[in-house]
Amino acid sequence: MRSYLSLPGRIIPVVLGLGFLFIVNEVRSEPAPAWKLQDINGKTVQLSDFKGKVVVLDFWATWCPPCRAEIPHFVELQKQYQSQGVVVVGVSLDQGGPGVVSSFAKQQNINYPVVMGNDDVAKAYGNIEAIPTTFVIDPSGNIVGRHEGFTDKSVFEDEIKKALSTAH
């Protein structure tokens, strides 16, 4: 049985011509679905590991151009905000396995946790159909932002600041 995640054409990077399509979906605060996945080094990581932190949860793949374009922004956000209780977590939907993703992560100097996603977690987060799809989760574990397609760093920064200010 083939999974919808097994075909790169089924989860489409949202690209329009040479530019990237920017879609923002306003989200009412709702609890983020729990997950437990293996990172690219084989270690078990779960959402509850980040309890009390703002989590930027990015569903992506190495073959996705807009996903690749967002990575430098996530690296910068991780550097800038990790001391304030923010963590970026990449959920790779690649089918090539952790070796491919690990090599890519090293090349891109990814400084945040990257886990290997699966059908269950993609379905739990609303049947991810386009990547990148990124969620901002507040310190209470509620989804406070959802973005499909390339999203500017400033949008994530604004949501991070808002989530941090409401946490105190």
C-alpha atoms as a PDB file:
ATOM      1  CA  MET A   1       0.000   0.000   0.000  1.00  0.00           C
ATOM      2  CA  ARG A   2       1.484   3.319  -1.022  1.00  0.00           C
ATOM      3  CA  SER A   3       1.303   6.205   1.365  1.00  0.00           C
ATOM      4  CA  TYR A   4       0.402   9.642   0.084  1.00  0.00           C
ATOM      5  CA  LEU A   5       3.719  10.751   1.530  1.00  0.00           C
ATOM      6  CA  SER A   6       5.642   8.323  -0.670  1.00  0.00           C
ATOM      7  CA  LEU A   7       5.104  10.402  -3.787  1.00  0.00           C
ATOM      8  CA  PRO A   8       6.750  13.839  -3.862  1.00  0.00           C
ATOM      9  CA  GLY A   9       4.150  14.981  -6.396  1.00  0.00           C
ATOM     10  CA  ARG A  10       1.326  14.372  -3.921  1.00  0.00           C
ATOM     11  CA  ILE A  11       2.710  16.784  -1.341  1.00  0.00           C
ATOM     12  CA  ILE A  12       3.363  19.725  -3.531  1.00  0.00           C
ATOM     13  CA  PRO A  13       5.740  22.519  -2.728  1.00  0.00           C
ATOM     14  CA  VAL A  14       3.641  25.602  -3.142  1.00  0.00           C
ATOM     15  CA  VAL A  15       5.440  27.437  -5.941  1.00  0.00           C
ATOM     16  CA  LEU A  16       4.093  30.066  -8.303  1.00  0.00           C
ATOM     17  CA  GLY A  17       6.355  30.801 -11.277  1.00  0.00           C
ATOM     18  CA  LEU A  18       9.708  31.980  -9.981  1.00  0.00           C
ATOM     19  CA  GLY A  19       8.210  33.368  -6.799  1.00  0.00           C
ATOM     20  CA  PHE A  20       6.785  31.561  -3.851  1.00  0.00           C
ATOM     21  CA  LEU A  21       3.136  31.580  -2.917  1.00  0.00           C
ATOM     22  CA  PHE A  22       2.541  32.900   0.570  1.00  0.00           C
ATOM     23  CA  ILE A  23      -0.490  31.527   2.362  1.00  0.00           C
ATOM     24  CA  VAL A  24      -1.351  32.342   5.942  1.00  0.00           C
ATOM     25  CA  ASN A  25      -4.179  30.603   7.695  1.00  0.00           C
ATOM     26  CA  GLU A  26      -5.427  32.253  10.850  1.00  0.00           C
ATOM     27  CA  VAL A  27      -5.770  29.589  13.494  1.00  0.00           C
ATOM     28  CA  ARG A  28      -7.833  29.656  16.617  1.00  0.00           C
ATOM     29  CA  SER A  29      -5.817  28.342  19.494  1.00  0.00           C
ATOM     30  CA  GLU A  30      -6.191  24.571  19.611  1.00  0.00           C
ATOM     31  CA  PRO A  31      -4.049  21.901  21.277  1.00  0.00           C
ATOM     32  CA  ALA A  32      -1.169  20.654  19.145  1.00  0.00           C
ATOM     33  CA  PRO A  33      -1.407  16.918  18.478  1.00  0.00           C
ATOM     34  CA  ALA A  34       1.181  14.906  20.403  1.00  0.00           C
ATOM     35  CA  TRP A  35       3.845  13.077  18.407  1.00  0.00           C
ATOM     36  CA  LYS A  36       6.812  10.803  19.056  1.00  0.00           C
ATOM     37  CA  LEU A  37       9.311  10.410  16.212  1.00  0.00           C
ATOM     38  CA  GLN A  38      12.923   9.451  15.580  1.00  0.00           C
ATOM     39  CA  ASP A  39      15.383  12.226  14.844  1.00  0.00           C
ATOM     40  CA  ILE A  40      17.976  11.934  12.080  1.00  0.00           C
ATOM     41  CA  ASN A  41      20.392  10.347  14.567  1.00  0.00           C
ATOM     42  CA  GLY A  42      17.920   7.685  15.725  1.00  0.00           C
ATOM     43  CA  LYS A  43      17.016   9.368  19.034  1.00  0.00           C
ATOM     44  CA  THR A  44      13.350   9.452  20.070  1.00  0.00           C
ATOM     45  CA  VAL A  45      11.972  12.983  20.242  1.00  0.00           C
ATOM     46  CA  GLN A  46       8.433  13.973  21.190  1.00  0.00           C
ATOM     47  CA  LEU A  47       6.476  17.199  21.359  1.00  0.00           C
ATOM     48  CA  SER A  48       6.278  16.939  25.148  1.00  0.00           C
ATOM     49  CA  ASP A  49      10.095  17.311  25.275  1.00  0.00           C
ATOM     50  CA  PHE A  50       9.494  20.989  24.479  1.00  0.00           C
ATOM     51  CA  LYS A  51       6.760  21.635  27.048  1.00  0.00           C
ATOM     52  CA  GLY A  52       6.799  25.266  28.169  1.00  0.00           C
ATOM     53  CA  LYS A  53       8.589  26.439  25.009  1.00  0.00           C
ATOM     54  CA  VAL A  54       7.416  28.123  21.854  1.00  0.00           C
ATOM     55  CA  VAL A  55       7.778  25.507  19.103  1.00  0.00           C
ATOM     56  CA  VAL A  56       8.051  26.324  15.411  1.00  0.00           C
ATOM     57  CA  LEU A  57       7.118  22.988  13.821  1.00  0.00           C
ATOM     58  CA  ASP A  58       8.073  22.871  10.143  1.00  0.00           C
ATOM     59  CA  PHE A  59       6.920  20.077   7.808  1.00  0.00           C
ATOM     60  CA  TRP A  60       9.362  20.041   4.896  1.00  0.00           C
ATOM     61  CA  ALA A  61      11.475  17.918   2.521  1.00  0.00           C
ATOM     62  CA  THR A  62      14.955  18.208   1.028  1.00  0.00           C
ATOM     63  CA  TRP A  63      13.580  18.199  -2.537  1.00  0.00           C
ATOM     64  CA  CYS A  64      11.194  21.139  -1.916  1.00  0.00           C
ATOM     65  CA  PRO A  65      12.514  24.537  -3.163  1.00  0.00           C
ATOM     66  CA  PRO A  66      10.402  26.766  -0.877  1.00  0.00           C
ATOM     67  CA  CYS A  67      11.278  24.512   2.079  1.00  0.00           C
ATOM     68  CA  ARG A  68      14.967  24.948   1.299  1.00  0.00           C
ATOM     69  CA  ALA A  69      14.482  28.718   1.039  1.00  0.00           C
ATOM     70  CA  GLU A  70      13.013  28.861   4.573  1.00  0.00           C
ATOM     71  CA  ILE A  71      15.809  26.910   6.268  1.00  0.00           C
ATOM     72  CA  PRO A  72      18.244  29.843   6.672  1.00  0.00           C
ATOM     73  CA  HIS A  73      15.445  31.793   8.380  1.00  0.00           C
ATOM     74  CA  PHE A  74      14.771  28.937  10.798  1.00  0.00           C
ATOM     75  CA  VAL A  75      18.505  28.665  11.543  1.00  0.00           C
ATOM     76  CA  GLU A  76      18.538  32.401  12.361  1.00  0.00           C
ATOM     77  CA  LEU A  77      15.372  32.171  14.484  1.00  0.00           C
ATOM     78  CA  GLN A  78      16.815  29.237  16.432  1.00  0.00           C
ATOM     79  CA  LYS A  79      20.014  31.219  17.149  1.00  0.00           C
ATOM     80  CA  GLN A  80      18.143  34.385  18.023  1.00  0.00           C
ATOM     81  CA  TYR A  81      15.396  32.983  20.255  1.00  0.00           C
ATOM     82  CA  GLN A  82      16.561  29.676  21.742  1.00  0.00           C
ATOM     83  CA  SER A  83      17.763  31.366  24.939  1.00  0.00           C
ATOM     84  CA  GLN A  84      14.234  32.779  25.365  1.00  0.00           C
ATOM     85  CA  GLY A  85      12.547  29.373  25.220  1.00  0.00           C
ATOM     86  CA  VAL A  86      11.962  28.905  21.498  1.00  0.00           C
ATOM     87  CA  VAL A  87      12.808  25.793  19.501  1.00  0.00           C
ATOM     88  CA  VAL A  88      12.448  25.129  15.803  1.00  0.00           C
ATOM     89  CA  VAL A  89      11.717  21.490  14.957  1.00  0.00           C
ATOM     90  CA  GLY A  90      11.903  20.243  11.385  1.00  0.00           C
ATOM     91  CA  VAL A  91       9.633  17.336  10.445  1.00  0.00           C
ATOM     92  CA  SER A  92      11.123  15.815   7.307  1.00  0.00           C
ATOM     93  CA  LEU A  93       8.684  14.126   4.948  1.00  0.00           C
ATOM     94  CA  ASP A  94      11.512  12.724   2.814  1.00  0.00           C
ATOM     95  CA  GLN A  95      11.258   9.064   1.864  1.00  0.00           C
ATOM     96  CA  GLY A  96      15.033   8.656   1.404  1.00  0.00           C
ATOM     97  CA  GLY A  97      15.535   8.047   5.098  1.00  0.00           C
ATOM     98  CA  PRO A  98      17.513   9.768   7.815  1.00  0.00           C
ATOM     99  CA  GLY A  99      20.844   9.410   5.997  1.00  0.00           C
ATOM    100  CA  VAL A 100      19.733  11.683   3.156  1.00  0.00           C
ATOM    101  CA  VAL A 101      18.200  14.178   5.567  1.00  0.00           C
ATOM    102  CA  SER A 102      21.216  14.128   7.920  1.00  0.00           C
ATOM    103  CA  SER A 103      23.603  14.859   5.059  1.00  0.00           C
ATOM    104  CA  PHE A 104      21.374  17.710   3.865  1.00  0.00           C
ATOM    105  CA  ALA A 105      21.061  19.105   7.415  1.00  0.00           C
ATOM    106  CA  LYS A 106      24.862  19.199   7.752  1.00  0.00           C
ATOM    107  CA  GLN A 107      25.236  20.954   4.389  1.00  0.00           C
ATOM    108  CA  GLN A 108      22.655  23.555   5.417  1.00  0.00           C
ATOM    109  CA  ASN A 109      24.100  24.011   8.940  1.00  0.00           C
ATOM    110  CA  ILE A 110      20.728  23.191  10.480  1.00  0.00           C
ATOM    111  CA  ASN A 111      21.044  23.948  14.195  1.00  0.00           C
ATOM    112  CA  TYR A 112      17.676  22.636  15.370  1.00  0.00           C
ATOM    113  CA  PRO A 113      16.176  19.173  15.863  1.00  0.00           C
ATOM    114  CA  VAL A 114      15.046  17.359  12.713  1.00  0.00           C
ATOM    115  CA  VAL A 115      12.767  14.345  13.021  1.00  0.00           C
ATOM    116  CA  MET A 116      11.532  11.909  10.402  1.00  0.00           C
ATOM    117  CA  GLY A 117       7.813  12.422   9.859  1.00  0.00           C
ATOM    118  CA  ASN A 118       5.227   9.814   8.899  1.00  0.00           C
ATOM    119  CA  ASP A 119       1.628   9.551   7.696  1.00  0.00           C
ATOM    120  CA  ASP A 120       0.206   9.575  11.206  1.00  0.00           C
ATOM    121  CA  VAL A 121       1.754  12.877  12.253  1.00  0.00           C
ATOM    122  CA  ALA A 122       0.946  14.496   8.892  1.00  0.00           C
ATOM    123  CA  LYS A 123      -2.691  13.440   9.281  1.00  0.00           C
ATOM    124  CA  ALA A 124      -2.812  14.583  12.915  1.00  0.00           C
ATOM    125  CA  TYR A 125      -1.795  18.075  11.812  1.00  0.00           C
ATOM    126  CA  GLY A 126      -4.636  18.392   9.308  1.00  0.00           C
ATOM    127  CA  ASN A 127      -3.588  16.102   6.467  1.00  0.00           C
ATOM    128  CA  ILE A 128      -0.533  18.042   5.335  1.00  0.00           C
ATOM    129  CA  GLU A 129      -0.973  18.366   1.567  1.00  0.00           C
ATOM    130  CA  ALA A 130       1.493  21.119   0.721  1.00  0.00           C
ATOM    131  CA  ILE A 131       4.958  21.813   2.027  1.00  0.00           C
ATOM    132  CA  PRO A 132       6.349  23.693   3.641  1.00  0.00           C
ATOM    133  CA  THR A 133       3.589  23.780   6.240  1.00  0.00           C
ATOM    134  CA  THR A 134       4.673  25.335   9.503  1.00  0.00           C
ATOM    135  CA  PHE A 135       2.918  25.604  12.848  1.00  0.00           C
ATOM    136  CA  VAL A 136       3.691  27.908  15.744  1.00  0.00           C
ATOM    137  CA  ILE A 137       2.851  26.308  19.082  1.00  0.00           C
ATOM    138  CA  ASP A 138       2.701  28.407  22.246  1.00  0.00           C
ATOM    139  CA  PRO A 139       4.249  27.392  25.600  1.00  0.00           C
ATOM    140  CA  SER A 140       0.886  25.944  26.689  1.00  0.00           C
ATOM    141  CA  GLY A 141       0.963  23.530  23.732  1.00  0.00           C
ATOM    142  CA  ASN A 142      -1.647  25.296  21.589  1.00  0.00           C
ATOM    143  CA  ILE A 143      -1.317  25.928  17.871  1.00  0.00           C
ATOM    144  CA  VAL A 144      -1.374  29.694  17.409  1.00  0.00           C
ATOM    145  CA  GLY A 145      -0.224  29.873  13.780  1.00  0.00           C
ATOM    146  CA  ARG A 146      -0.331  27.762  10.619  1.00  0.00           C
ATOM    147  CA  HIS A 147       1.399  28.698   7.375  1.00  0.00           C
ATOM    148  CA  GLU A 148       1.409  26.891   4.039  1.00  0.00           C
ATOM    149  CA  GLY A 149       4.060  27.750   1.495  1.00  0.00           C
ATOM    150  CA  PHE A 150       7.083  29.971   1.852  1.00  0.00           C
ATOM    151  CA  THR A 151       6.573  32.358   4.744  1.00  0.00           C
ATOM    152  CA  ASP A 152       8.752  35.352   5.500  1.00  0.00           C
ATOM    153  CA  LYS A 153      10.915  35.215   8.615  1.00  0.00           C
ATOM    154  CA  SER A 154       9.237  38.371   9.976  1.00  0.00           C
ATOM    155  CA  VAL A 155       5.864  36.581  10.158  1.00  0.00           C
ATOM    156  CA  PHE A 156       7.347  33.836  12.336  1.00  0.00           C
ATOM    157  CA  GLU A 157       9.226  36.407  14.392  1.00  0.00           C
ATOM    158  CA  ASP A 158       6.007  38.324  15.124  1.00  0.00           C
ATOM    159  CA  GLU A 159       4.222  35.123  16.178  1.00  0.00           C
ATOM    160  CA  ILE A 160       7.167  34.029  18.345  1.00  0.00           C
ATOM    161  CA  LYS A 161       7.240  37.394  20.108  1.00  0.00           C
ATOM    162  CA  LYS A 162       3.492  37.278  20.678  1.00  0.00           C
ATOM    163  CA  ALA A 163       3.641  33.724  22.047  1.00  0.00           C
ATOM    164  CA  LEU A 164       6.539  34.653  24.336  1.00  0.00           C
ATOM    165  CA  SER A 165       4.740  37.726  25.657  1.00  0.00           C
ATOM    166  CA  THR A 166       1.580  35.808  26.489  1.00  0.00           C
ATOM    167  CA  ALA A 167       3.604  33.119  28.295  1.00  0.00           C
ATOM    168  CA  HIS A 168       4.726  35.459  31.047  1.00  0.00           C
END
